[in-house]
């Protein structure tokens, strides 16, 4: 299990096997062309509860769930998870 905390204080856990999930890769490729797929990518990586917690975390900062803030936070999470994978 990969664990981390973003700069803004969001704590997350990701199953390290997700890095080898072909369906995730397909979803990410689709999200590049169709932004409406992005919430499914979030849920595949974080799970339903953590996705909801991420939305709440962003909502507290901005009052609504900003698409850009969510993409930025997801990018940070994936970067932190990548660093954790390299260091293990």
N, C-alpha and C. Protein backbone atom coordinates (compact mmCIF):
# COMPACT_ATOMS: atom_id res chain seq x y z
N UNK A 1 0.85 -1.17 0.00
CA UNK A 1 0.00 0.00 0.00
C UNK A 1 0.89 1.23 0.00
N UNK A 2 0.66 2.12 -0.95
CA UNK A 2 1.39 3.38 -1.01
C UNK A 2 0.60 4.43 -0.25
N UNK A 3 1.27 5.12 0.65
CA UNK A 3 0.62 6.15 1.46
C UNK A 3 1.35 7.46 1.26
N UNK A 4 0.61 8.54 1.38
CA UNK A 4 1.24 9.84 1.25
C UNK A 4 0.31 10.95 1.71
N UNK A 5 0.87 12.13 1.74
CA UNK A 5 0.12 13.33 2.10
C UNK A 5 0.49 14.42 1.13
N UNK A 6 -0.52 15.06 0.55
CA UNK A 6 -0.25 16.15 -0.38
C UNK A 6 0.20 17.39 0.38
N UNK A 7 0.67 18.36 -0.37
CA UNK A 7 1.12 19.62 0.22
C UNK A 7 0.00 20.30 1.00
N UNK A 8 -1.25 20.14 0.55
CA UNK A 8 -2.38 20.78 1.23
C UNK A 8 -2.94 19.94 2.37
N UNK A 9 -2.32 18.77 2.63
CA UNK A 9 -2.70 17.97 3.79
C UNK A 9 -3.64 16.81 3.52
N UNK A 10 -3.95 16.51 2.26
CA UNK A 10 -4.82 15.37 1.95
C UNK A 10 -4.01 14.08 2.06
N UNK A 11 -4.48 13.19 2.94
CA UNK A 11 -3.81 11.90 3.14
C UNK A 11 -4.49 10.85 2.26
N UNK A 12 -3.66 10.03 1.62
CA UNK A 12 -4.20 9.02 0.72
C UNK A 12 -3.45 7.70 0.87
N UNK A 13 -4.12 6.65 0.43
CA UNK A 13 -3.54 5.31 0.33
C UNK A 13 -3.92 4.76 -1.03
N UNK A 14 -2.95 4.19 -1.72
CA UNK A 14 -3.19 3.61 -3.04
C UNK A 14 -2.59 2.22 -3.07
N UNK A 15 -3.35 1.28 -3.56
CA UNK A 15 -2.84 -0.07 -3.77
C UNK A 15 -1.78 0.00 -4.86
N UNK A 16 -0.57 -0.41 -4.56
CA UNK A 16 0.53 -0.28 -5.52
C UNK A 16 0.29 -1.10 -6.80
N UNK A 17 -0.60 -2.07 -6.74
CA UNK A 17 -0.89 -2.87 -7.93
C UNK A 17 -1.61 -2.06 -9.01
N UNK A 18 -2.13 -0.89 -8.64
CA UNK A 18 -2.86 -0.06 -9.61
C UNK A 18 -1.93 0.37 -10.75
N UNK A 19 -0.64 0.44 -10.49
CA UNK A 19 0.32 0.84 -11.52
C UNK A 19 0.38 -0.17 -12.66
N UNK A 20 -0.11 -1.39 -12.42
CA UNK A 20 -0.08 -2.45 -13.42
C UNK A 20 -1.49 -2.76 -13.94
N UNK A 21 -2.41 -1.82 -13.79
CA UNK A 21 -3.81 -2.03 -14.17
C UNK A 21 -4.04 -1.51 -15.59
N UNK A 22 -4.21 -2.42 -16.52
CA UNK A 22 -4.41 -2.04 -17.92
C UNK A 22 -5.70 -1.25 -18.11
N UNK A 23 -6.74 -1.58 -17.36
CA UNK A 23 -7.99 -0.83 -17.48
C UNK A 23 -7.82 0.61 -17.05
N UNK A 24 -6.99 0.84 -16.04
CA UNK A 24 -6.68 2.23 -15.64
C UNK A 24 -5.99 2.96 -16.78
N UNK A 25 -5.04 2.31 -17.41
CA UNK A 25 -4.34 2.92 -18.53
C UNK A 25 -5.32 3.27 -19.65
N UNK A 26 -6.27 2.39 -19.93
CA UNK A 26 -7.29 2.66 -20.94
C UNK A 26 -8.15 3.85 -20.54
N UNK A 27 -8.54 3.90 -19.25
CA UNK A 27 -9.35 5.02 -18.77
C UNK A 27 -8.60 6.34 -18.88
N UNK A 28 -7.32 6.33 -18.55
CA UNK A 28 -6.51 7.54 -18.63
C UNK A 28 -6.42 8.01 -20.09
N UNK A 29 -6.25 7.08 -21.00
CA UNK A 29 -6.19 7.43 -22.43
C UNK A 29 -7.51 8.03 -22.88
N UNK A 30 -8.63 7.45 -22.42
CA UNK A 30 -9.94 8.00 -22.78
C UNK A 30 -10.15 9.37 -22.15
N UNK A 31 -9.69 9.56 -20.93
CA UNK A 31 -9.86 10.84 -20.24
C UNK A 31 -9.11 11.95 -20.95
N UNK A 32 -8.05 11.59 -21.64
CA UNK A 32 -7.29 12.59 -22.40
C UNK A 32 -8.15 13.19 -23.52
N UNK A 33 -9.09 12.39 -24.04
CA UNK A 33 -9.96 12.85 -25.13
C UNK A 33 -11.35 13.25 -24.63
N UNK A 34 -11.74 12.72 -23.47
CA UNK A 34 -13.09 12.95 -22.93
C UNK A 34 -12.98 13.17 -21.43
N UNK A 35 -12.99 14.43 -21.02
CA UNK A 35 -12.78 14.79 -19.62
C UNK A 35 -13.81 14.17 -18.67
N UNK A 36 -14.96 13.77 -19.20
CA UNK A 36 -15.99 13.17 -18.33
C UNK A 36 -15.58 11.80 -17.81
N UNK A 37 -14.51 11.23 -18.34
CA UNK A 37 -14.01 9.94 -17.87
C UNK A 37 -13.14 10.13 -16.61
N UNK A 38 -12.67 11.35 -16.39
CA UNK A 38 -11.74 11.61 -15.28
C UNK A 38 -12.26 11.17 -13.91
N UNK A 39 -13.52 11.41 -13.55
CA UNK A 39 -13.99 10.91 -12.25
C UNK A 39 -13.87 9.39 -12.10
N UNK A 40 -14.03 8.66 -13.20
CA UNK A 40 -13.85 7.20 -13.15
C UNK A 40 -12.39 6.84 -12.88
N UNK A 41 -11.47 7.61 -13.45
CA UNK A 41 -10.05 7.40 -13.20
C UNK A 41 -9.75 7.63 -11.71
N UNK A 42 -10.28 8.73 -11.18
CA UNK A 42 -10.10 9.02 -9.75
C UNK A 42 -10.60 7.87 -8.89
N UNK A 43 -11.79 7.38 -9.21
CA UNK A 43 -12.37 6.31 -8.41
C UNK A 43 -11.59 5.01 -8.54
N UNK A 44 -11.06 4.73 -9.72
CA UNK A 44 -10.27 3.51 -9.91
C UNK A 44 -9.00 3.57 -9.07
N UNK A 45 -8.38 4.75 -8.99
CA UNK A 45 -7.12 4.90 -8.25
C UNK A 45 -7.37 5.03 -6.74
N UNK A 46 -8.31 5.87 -6.36
CA UNK A 46 -8.51 6.20 -4.95
C UNK A 46 -9.59 5.37 -4.27
N UNK A 47 -10.52 4.84 -5.04
CA UNK A 47 -11.68 4.19 -4.46
C UNK A 47 -12.76 5.22 -4.17
N UNK A 48 -13.96 4.74 -3.96
CA UNK A 48 -15.11 5.63 -3.79
C UNK A 48 -14.98 6.54 -2.57
N UNK A 49 -14.55 5.99 -1.43
CA UNK A 49 -14.48 6.79 -0.20
C UNK A 49 -13.40 7.86 -0.27
N UNK A 50 -12.23 7.49 -0.77
CA UNK A 50 -11.15 8.49 -0.87
C UNK A 50 -11.45 9.54 -1.91
N UNK A 51 -12.14 9.16 -2.99
CA UNK A 51 -12.54 10.15 -4.00
C UNK A 51 -13.47 11.18 -3.36
N UNK A 52 -14.44 10.71 -2.59
CA UNK A 52 -15.37 11.62 -1.90
C UNK A 52 -14.60 12.51 -0.91
N UNK A 53 -13.63 11.92 -0.21
CA UNK A 53 -12.83 12.70 0.74
C UNK A 53 -11.99 13.75 0.01
N UNK A 54 -11.47 13.41 -1.16
CA UNK A 54 -10.72 14.38 -1.95
C UNK A 54 -11.61 15.53 -2.38
N UNK A 55 -12.81 15.21 -2.85
CA UNK A 55 -13.76 16.26 -3.23
C UNK A 55 -14.05 17.17 -2.04
N UNK A 56 -14.27 16.59 -0.86
CA UNK A 56 -14.53 17.40 0.34
C UNK A 56 -13.33 18.28 0.69
N UNK A 57 -12.14 17.72 0.54
CA UNK A 57 -10.91 18.46 0.83
C UNK A 57 -10.81 19.68 -0.10
N UNK A 58 -11.08 19.48 -1.36
CA UNK A 58 -11.01 20.58 -2.33
C UNK A 58 -12.15 21.57 -2.10
N UNK A 59 -13.32 21.05 -1.79
CA UNK A 59 -14.48 21.91 -1.56
C UNK A 59 -14.21 22.87 -0.40
N UNK A 60 -13.53 22.40 0.65
CA UNK A 60 -13.24 23.25 1.80
C UNK A 60 -12.38 24.45 1.40
N UNK A 61 -11.45 24.21 0.49
CA UNK A 61 -10.56 25.28 0.07
C UNK A 61 -11.25 26.27 -0.86
N UNK A 62 -12.10 25.78 -1.75
CA UNK A 62 -12.64 26.61 -2.82
C UNK A 62 -14.15 26.82 -2.76
N UNK A 63 -14.87 26.06 -1.93
CA UNK A 63 -16.32 26.19 -1.85
C UNK A 63 -17.07 25.33 -2.85
N UNK A 64 -16.38 24.81 -3.82
CA UNK A 64 -16.95 23.90 -4.81
C UNK A 64 -15.83 22.96 -5.23
N UNK A 65 -16.16 21.91 -5.96
CA UNK A 65 -15.13 20.96 -6.38
C UNK A 65 -14.60 21.42 -7.74
N UNK A 66 -13.54 22.17 -7.68
CA UNK A 66 -12.90 22.71 -8.88
C UNK A 66 -12.26 21.59 -9.70
N UNK A 67 -12.58 21.58 -10.97
CA UNK A 67 -11.98 20.59 -11.87
C UNK A 67 -10.47 20.75 -11.89
N UNK A 68 -9.99 21.97 -12.04
CA UNK A 68 -8.55 22.20 -12.12
C UNK A 68 -7.85 21.82 -10.82
N UNK A 69 -8.44 22.17 -9.69
CA UNK A 69 -7.84 21.80 -8.40
C UNK A 69 -7.81 20.28 -8.23
N UNK A 70 -8.84 19.61 -8.72
CA UNK A 70 -8.88 18.14 -8.62
C UNK A 70 -7.81 17.51 -9.50
N UNK A 71 -7.67 18.01 -10.73
CA UNK A 71 -6.63 17.50 -11.62
C UNK A 71 -5.25 17.75 -11.03
N UNK A 72 -5.04 18.95 -10.49
CA UNK A 72 -3.75 19.27 -9.87
C UNK A 72 -3.45 18.36 -8.69
N UNK A 73 -4.47 18.12 -7.86
CA UNK A 73 -4.28 17.26 -6.68
C UNK A 73 -4.02 15.82 -7.12
N UNK A 74 -4.74 15.34 -8.12
CA UNK A 74 -4.52 13.98 -8.62
C UNK A 74 -3.11 13.84 -9.18
N UNK A 75 -2.65 14.84 -9.90
CA UNK A 75 -1.28 14.82 -10.43
C UNK A 75 -0.27 14.75 -9.30
N UNK A 76 -0.49 15.54 -8.26
CA UNK A 76 0.40 15.51 -7.10
C UNK A 76 0.38 14.14 -6.43
N UNK A 77 -0.80 13.57 -6.27
CA UNK A 77 -0.93 12.23 -5.66
C UNK A 77 -0.16 11.20 -6.49
N UNK A 78 -0.33 11.24 -7.80
CA UNK A 78 0.35 10.26 -8.66
C UNK A 78 1.87 10.46 -8.61
N UNK A 79 2.33 11.70 -8.55
CA UNK A 79 3.76 11.97 -8.43
C UNK A 79 4.31 11.45 -7.11
N UNK A 80 3.58 11.69 -6.03
CA UNK A 80 4.01 11.19 -4.71
C UNK A 80 4.01 9.67 -4.68
N UNK A 81 3.01 9.06 -5.28
CA UNK A 81 2.96 7.60 -5.34
C UNK A 81 4.12 7.05 -6.16
N UNK A 82 4.45 7.73 -7.24
CA UNK A 82 5.59 7.32 -8.06
C UNK A 82 6.90 7.41 -7.31
N UNK A 83 7.06 8.46 -6.53
CA UNK A 83 8.27 8.61 -5.71
C UNK A 83 8.34 7.51 -4.66
N UNK A 84 7.21 7.20 -4.04
CA UNK A 84 7.18 6.15 -3.03
C UNK A 84 7.54 4.80 -3.63
N UNK A 85 7.10 4.56 -4.85
CA UNK A 85 7.41 3.30 -5.53
C UNK A 85 8.91 3.21 -5.80
N UNK A 86 9.53 4.32 -6.22
CA UNK A 86 10.96 4.33 -6.49
C UNK A 86 11.78 4.09 -5.23
N UNK A 87 11.28 4.60 -4.09
CA UNK A 87 12.01 4.53 -2.84
C UNK A 87 11.80 3.22 -2.09
N UNK A 88 10.90 2.36 -2.57
CA UNK A 88 10.66 1.11 -1.84
C UNK A 88 11.41 -0.05 -2.43
